Amino acid sequence: MKRGRAGTVTHDYKRHGTTTLFAALNTLDGSVISMCQPRHRHSEWHRFLRLIDRRTPKHMGLHLIVDNYATHSHPEVQKWLARHPRFVMHFTPTSASWLNMVERFFRDITDKRIRRDSFTSVAELELAIDLYVAHHNIDPKPFIWTASAKDILAKVTRAKAALTSVAG
């Protein structure tokens, strides 16, 4: 991507394709398991679940926090999850992606690697992502919430009141 003044996209910007980044964040140590796929369908999500299964100790229970995207609850995925009870799915409420700590990782990779560069192919973009994740995993750090639960709940309450007053 070519950027002009103040980060705006210039007239000669050309998109060379996209990729879907699947990522699982270990909230205890900050390490990440990732996979780039051309699409975000149930088959790609299923492939990523199998990767997580291979890369994590078999005795470990895994709690996956995901959004309500249909891919995550597709019948084929549900069948696989039924055969793999160590995987426990938790779905965030609509418009509450901030509850999922992997979103913080997505923000960081976007700000520190993807947004600041230009990629001439999807393969080049995926290589940049893979290298960023590998570098991150050399010395991972867990993300720490800095706000108290009380402050977070107060913010949610204020937001709900504001939405209700607009809709009401």
Protein backbone atom coordinates (compact mmCIF):
# COMPACT_ATOMS: atom_id res chain seq x y z
CA MET A 1 0.00 0.00 0.00
CA LYS A 2 1.31 3.42 -0.82
CA ARG A 3 0.46 6.03 1.74
CA GLY A 4 0.27 9.73 1.18
CA ARG A 5 0.16 12.51 3.71
CA ALA A 6 -1.37 11.69 7.13
CA GLY A 7 -1.65 8.00 6.28
CA THR A 8 -4.19 8.41 3.49
CA VAL A 9 -4.13 6.00 0.58
CA THR A 10 -2.78 7.62 -2.58
CA HIS A 11 -4.24 7.53 -6.10
CA ASP A 12 -1.78 4.85 -7.19
CA TYR A 13 -2.74 2.38 -4.46
CA LYS A 14 -3.24 -1.11 -5.83
CA ARG A 15 -4.59 -3.94 -3.74
CA HIS A 16 -2.78 -7.19 -4.42
CA GLY A 17 -5.19 -9.49 -2.56
CA THR A 18 -6.14 -10.35 0.98
CA THR A 19 -5.61 -13.06 3.54
CA THR A 20 -7.44 -14.16 6.65
CA LEU A 21 -5.33 -14.38 9.79
CA PHE A 22 -6.49 -16.92 12.34
CA ALA A 23 -4.72 -16.52 15.67
CA ALA A 24 -4.92 -18.19 19.07
CA LEU A 25 -3.43 -16.24 21.96
CA ASN A 26 -2.20 -18.04 25.05
CA THR A 27 -3.32 -15.56 27.69
CA LEU A 28 -0.94 -17.03 30.27
CA ASP A 29 2.31 -16.41 28.41
CA GLY A 30 1.35 -14.25 25.40
CA SER A 31 2.44 -16.74 22.73
CA VAL A 32 0.45 -17.00 19.52
CA ILE A 33 -0.47 -19.83 17.17
CA SER A 34 -1.40 -18.44 13.77
CA MET A 35 -2.43 -19.48 10.30
CA CYS A 36 -3.17 -17.45 7.17
CA GLN A 37 -5.92 -18.72 4.90
CA PRO A 38 -7.43 -17.34 1.70
CA ARG A 39 -10.96 -17.28 3.16
CA HIS A 40 -12.81 -17.41 6.48
CA ARG A 41 -15.19 -20.32 6.04
CA HIS A 42 -15.89 -23.22 8.37
CA SER A 43 -13.36 -25.40 6.53
CA GLU A 44 -10.53 -22.93 7.21
CA TRP A 45 -11.65 -22.53 10.85
CA HIS A 46 -11.71 -26.32 11.20
CA ARG A 47 -8.18 -26.50 9.75
CA PHE A 48 -7.05 -23.92 12.32
CA LEU A 49 -8.65 -25.86 15.18
CA ARG A 50 -6.69 -28.94 14.10
CA LEU A 51 -3.49 -26.86 14.10
CA ILE A 52 -4.19 -25.69 17.66
CA ASP A 53 -4.86 -29.31 18.63
CA ARG A 54 -1.50 -30.43 17.21
CA ARG A 55 0.48 -27.57 18.78
CA THR A 56 -0.84 -27.74 22.34
CA PRO A 57 -0.27 -30.39 25.03
CA LYS A 58 -3.00 -33.03 24.85
CA HIS A 59 -3.72 -32.89 28.60
CA MET A 60 -4.47 -29.16 28.46
CA GLY A 61 -8.04 -27.86 28.37
CA LEU A 62 -8.45 -25.07 25.81
CA HIS A 63 -10.92 -22.21 26.14
CA LEU A 64 -11.44 -20.41 22.84
CA ILE A 65 -13.02 -16.97 22.91
CA VAL A 66 -14.58 -16.21 19.55
CA ASP A 67 -17.13 -13.87 18.02
CA ASN A 68 -20.53 -15.00 16.76
CA TYR A 69 -19.41 -15.45 13.17
CA ALA A 70 -21.34 -18.40 11.69
CA THR A 71 -18.08 -20.15 10.82
CA HIS A 72 -17.40 -20.78 14.51
CA SER A 73 -20.64 -22.69 15.06
CA HIS A 74 -21.03 -24.48 11.73
CA PRO A 75 -22.43 -28.05 12.11
CA GLU A 76 -19.17 -29.61 10.85
CA VAL A 77 -17.21 -27.60 13.42
CA GLN A 78 -19.70 -28.62 16.13
CA LYS A 79 -19.19 -32.30 15.23
CA TRP A 80 -15.42 -31.91 15.52
CA LEU A 81 -15.72 -30.07 18.84
CA ALA A 82 -17.96 -32.84 20.20
CA ARG A 83 -15.12 -35.31 19.49
CA HIS A 84 -12.57 -32.95 21.11
CA PRO A 85 -14.03 -32.02 24.50
CA ARG A 86 -10.86 -30.25 25.65
CA PHE A 87 -11.96 -27.39 23.36
CA VAL A 88 -14.51 -25.16 25.08
CA MET A 89 -15.98 -22.35 23.03
CA HIS A 90 -16.99 -19.01 24.54
CA PHE A 91 -18.81 -16.52 22.32
CA THR A 92 -18.44 -12.79 22.87
CA PRO A 93 -21.58 -10.67 22.68
CA THR A 94 -22.18 -8.79 19.43
CA SER A 95 -20.03 -5.64 19.20
CA ALA A 96 -17.86 -6.72 22.14
CA SER A 97 -14.70 -7.82 20.35
CA TRP A 98 -12.71 -5.90 22.97
CA LEU A 99 -13.49 -8.77 25.37
CA ASN A 100 -11.24 -11.05 23.32
CA MET A 101 -7.56 -10.45 24.10
CA VAL A 102 -6.45 -11.75 20.69
CA GLU A 103 -7.94 -8.54 19.27
CA ARG A 104 -5.15 -6.70 21.07
CA PHE A 105 -2.64 -8.84 19.19
CA PHE A 106 -4.45 -8.07 15.90
CA ARG A 107 -4.17 -4.35 16.70
CA ASP A 108 -0.46 -4.67 17.42
CA ILE A 109 0.39 -6.62 14.27
CA THR A 110 -1.64 -4.12 12.23
CA ASP A 111 0.01 -1.07 13.82
CA LYS A 112 3.56 -2.42 14.04
CA ARG A 113 3.85 -4.44 10.84
CA ILE A 114 1.04 -4.47 8.30
CA ARG A 115 -0.12 -0.86 8.12
CA ARG A 116 3.39 0.58 7.81
CA ASP A 117 4.43 -1.44 4.78
CA SER A 118 3.60 -2.12 1.17
CA PHE A 119 3.06 -5.67 -0.09
CA THR A 120 3.11 -6.63 -3.74
CA SER A 121 1.48 -10.03 -3.25
CA VAL A 122 -0.53 -12.05 -0.75
CA ALA A 123 2.48 -14.35 -0.31
CA GLU A 124 4.59 -11.34 0.71
CA LEU A 125 1.92 -10.21 3.18
CA GLU A 126 1.63 -13.70 4.68
CA LEU A 127 5.42 -13.95 5.02
CA ALA A 128 5.44 -10.63 6.89
CA ILE A 129 2.70 -11.92 9.21
CA ASP A 130 4.51 -15.23 9.80
CA LEU A 131 7.79 -13.44 10.58
CA TYR A 132 6.05 -11.03 12.96
CA VAL A 133 4.40 -13.90 14.85
CA ALA A 134 7.69 -15.84 14.99
CA HIS A 135 9.50 -12.78 16.35
CA HIS A 136 6.69 -12.13 18.84
CA ASN A 137 6.92 -15.73 20.08
CA ILE A 138 10.66 -15.47 20.83
CA ASP A 139 9.86 -13.47 23.96
CA PRO A 140 6.08 -13.29 24.30
CA LYS A 141 4.44 -11.22 27.01
CA PRO A 142 0.88 -11.64 28.24
CA PHE A 143 -1.46 -8.73 27.74
CA ILE A 144 -2.50 -7.21 31.04
CA TRP A 145 -5.80 -5.43 31.53
CA THR A 146 -5.07 -2.01 32.98
CA ALA A 147 -8.66 -1.06 33.77
CA SER A 148 -10.45 -2.51 36.77
CA ALA A 149 -13.56 -4.63 36.32
CA LYS A 150 -15.51 -1.82 38.02
CA ASP A 151 -14.28 0.73 35.44
CA ILE A 152 -15.02 -1.60 32.52
CA LEU A 153 -18.55 -2.34 33.75
CA ALA A 154 -19.18 1.38 34.31
CA LYS A 155 -18.12 2.08 30.72
CA VAL A 156 -20.43 -0.65 29.42
CA THR A 157 -23.30 0.77 31.48
CA ARG A 158 -22.67 4.29 30.09
CA ALA A 159 -22.51 2.95 26.52
CA LYS A 160 -25.74 0.99 26.97
CA ALA A 161 -27.50 4.08 28.38
CA ALA A 162 -26.28 6.18 25.44
CA LEU A 163 -27.49 3.60 22.91
CA THR A 164 -30.85 3.33 24.66
CA SER A 165 -31.33 7.11 24.63
CA VAL A 166 -30.53 7.30 20.90
CA ALA A 167 -32.79 4.35 20.02
CA GLY A 168 -35.54 5.34 22.45
